[in-house]
Amino acid sequence: MTREVLIKKTIDNLAKLPDQKLKEVSDFAEFLLNRIENQLLTEGIQKLVSDSKTYKFLEREEDLYTVNDLKERYK
C-alpha cells in the first residue's frame, strides 16, 4: 500500500470516529512525532559529541589498568 493510499484510508477512518476517539488518535500521533523528534535530537547530539575534539586527549592517554590488574574475571 502506498503512502498516499494509506493516508487517504486513515483520513476516511478518522472521519467516522466519535470526537473522543479522534482526540485519542490525535494524541497518539503527537506522541509518535515527539518520539521521532527526540530520537533525531539524540542522534544529532551523539554525532556532535563523537565529531568533537573535546575528548580527543583521552585517545593519547595511556591505560591506567590492564587485564593483569584484575582480581577476578567474569565470563
C-alpha atoms as a PDB file:
ATOM      1  CA  MET A   1       0.000   0.000   0.000  1.00  0.00           C
ATOM      2  CA  THR A   2       1.446   3.361  -0.967  1.00  0.00           C
ATOM      3  CA  ARG A   3       1.790   6.260   1.431  1.00  0.00           C
ATOM      4  CA  GLU A   4      -0.911   8.264  -0.333  1.00  0.00           C
ATOM      5  CA  VAL A   5      -3.411   5.383  -0.222  1.00  0.00           C
ATOM      6  CA  LEU A   6      -2.649   4.771   3.462  1.00  0.00           C
ATOM      7  CA  ILE A   7      -3.127   8.466   4.301  1.00  0.00           C
ATOM      8  CA  LYS A   8      -6.439   8.572   2.399  1.00  0.00           C
ATOM      9  CA  LYS A   9      -7.678   5.414   4.136  1.00  0.00           C
ATOM     10  CA  THR A  10      -6.675   6.813   7.535  1.00  0.00           C
ATOM     11  CA  ILE A  11      -8.437  10.123   6.893  1.00  0.00           C
ATOM     12  CA  ASP A  12     -11.568   8.272   5.832  1.00  0.00           C
ATOM     13  CA  ASN A  13     -11.470   6.217   9.027  1.00  0.00           C
ATOM     14  CA  LEU A  14     -10.815   9.305  11.173  1.00  0.00           C
ATOM     15  CA  ALA A  15     -13.903  10.998   9.753  1.00  0.00           C
ATOM     16  CA  LYS A  16     -16.008   8.093  11.070  1.00  0.00           C
ATOM     17  CA  LEU A  17     -14.690   8.231  14.639  1.00  0.00           C
ATOM     18  CA  PRO A  18     -16.501   9.942  17.521  1.00  0.00           C
ATOM     19  CA  ASP A  19     -14.857  13.055  18.956  1.00  0.00           C
ATOM     20  CA  GLN A  20     -13.309  11.317  21.993  1.00  0.00           C
ATOM     21  CA  LYS A  21     -11.663   8.608  19.877  1.00  0.00           C
ATOM     22  CA  LEU A  22     -10.484  11.238  17.404  1.00  0.00           C
ATOM     23  CA  LYS A  23      -8.771  13.051  20.293  1.00  0.00           C
ATOM     24  CA  GLU A  24      -7.054   9.769  21.312  1.00  0.00           C
ATOM     25  CA  VAL A  25      -5.764   9.235  17.783  1.00  0.00           C
ATOM     26  CA  SER A  26      -4.534  12.826  17.643  1.00  0.00           C
ATOM     27  CA  ASP A  27      -2.736  12.449  20.976  1.00  0.00           C
ATOM     28  CA  PHE A  28      -1.135   9.196  19.830  1.00  0.00           C
ATOM     29  CA  ALA A  29       0.037  10.739  16.558  1.00  0.00           C
ATOM     30  CA  GLU A  30       1.550  13.624  18.535  1.00  0.00           C
ATOM     31  CA  PHE A  31       3.272  11.135  20.851  1.00  0.00           C
ATOM     32  CA  LEU A  32       4.783   9.287  17.873  1.00  0.00           C
ATOM     33  CA  LEU A  33       6.021  12.524  16.319  1.00  0.00           C
ATOM     34  CA  ASN A  34       7.593  13.638  19.620  1.00  0.00           C
ATOM     35  CA  ARG A  35       9.330  10.275  19.961  1.00  0.00           C
ATOM     36  CA  ILE A  36      10.762  10.554  16.443  1.00  0.00           C
ATOM     37  CA  GLU A  37      11.872  14.135  17.133  1.00  0.00           C
ATOM     38  CA  ASN A  38      13.565  13.093  20.381  1.00  0.00           C
ATOM     39  CA  GLN A  39      15.342  10.242  18.605  1.00  0.00           C
ATOM     40  CA  LEU A  40      16.605  12.621  15.910  1.00  0.00           C
ATOM     41  CA  LEU A  41      17.806  15.082  18.559  1.00  0.00           C
ATOM     42  CA  THR A  42      19.595  12.310  20.458  1.00  0.00           C
ATOM     43  CA  GLU A  43      21.298  11.062  17.298  1.00  0.00           C
ATOM     44  CA  GLY A  44      22.312  14.618  16.418  1.00  0.00           C
ATOM     45  CA  ILE A  45      23.815  15.189  19.852  1.00  0.00           C
ATOM     46  CA  GLN A  46      25.664  11.872  19.682  1.00  0.00           C
ATOM     47  CA  LYS A  47      27.103  12.837  16.295  1.00  0.00           C
ATOM     48  CA  LEU A  48      28.197  16.249  17.588  1.00  0.00           C
ATOM     49  CA  VAL A  49      29.916  14.666  20.572  1.00  0.00           C
ATOM     50  CA  SER A  50      31.603  11.963  18.516  1.00  0.00           C
ATOM     51  CA  ASP A  51      32.862  14.512  15.985  1.00  0.00           C
ATOM     52  CA  SER A  52      34.017  16.872  18.723  1.00  0.00           C
ATOM     53  CA  LYS A  53      37.676  17.204  19.540  1.00  0.00           C
ATOM     54  CA  THR A  54      36.925  17.865  23.215  1.00  0.00           C
ATOM     55  CA  TYR A  55      37.789  14.347  24.357  1.00  0.00           C
ATOM     56  CA  LYS A  56      40.497  13.570  21.799  1.00  0.00           C
ATOM     57  CA  PHE A  57      43.140  13.888  24.524  1.00  0.00           C
ATOM     58  CA  LEU A  58      41.797  10.663  26.010  1.00  0.00           C
ATOM     59  CA  GLU A  59      42.906   8.744  22.935  1.00  0.00           C
ATOM     60  CA  ARG A  60      46.530   9.688  23.647  1.00  0.00           C
ATOM     61  CA  GLU A  61      46.313   8.848  27.336  1.00  0.00           C
ATOM     62  CA  GLU A  62      47.964   5.606  28.357  1.00  0.00           C
ATOM     63  CA  ASP A  63      45.850   2.926  30.007  1.00  0.00           C
ATOM     64  CA  LEU A  64      45.893   3.065  33.787  1.00  0.00           C
ATOM     65  CA  TYR A  65      44.926  -0.545  34.244  1.00  0.00           C
ATOM     66  CA  THR A  66      45.443  -3.738  32.302  1.00  0.00           C
ATOM     67  CA  VAL A  67      43.829  -7.159  32.371  1.00  0.00           C
ATOM     68  CA  ASN A  68      46.616  -8.260  34.716  1.00  0.00           C
ATOM     69  CA  ASP A  69      45.313  -5.814  37.336  1.00  0.00           C
ATOM     70  CA  LEU A  70      42.016  -7.694  37.620  1.00  0.00           C
ATOM     71  CA  LYS A  71      41.469  -9.726  40.756  1.00  0.00           C
ATOM     72  CA  GLU A  72      38.659 -11.738  39.232  1.00  0.00           C
ATOM     73  CA  ARG A  73      37.370 -12.274  35.699  1.00  0.00           C
ATOM     74  CA  TYR A  74      33.724 -12.722  34.821  1.00  0.00           C
ATOM     75  CA  LYS A  75      32.722 -14.739  31.804  1.00  0.00           C
END
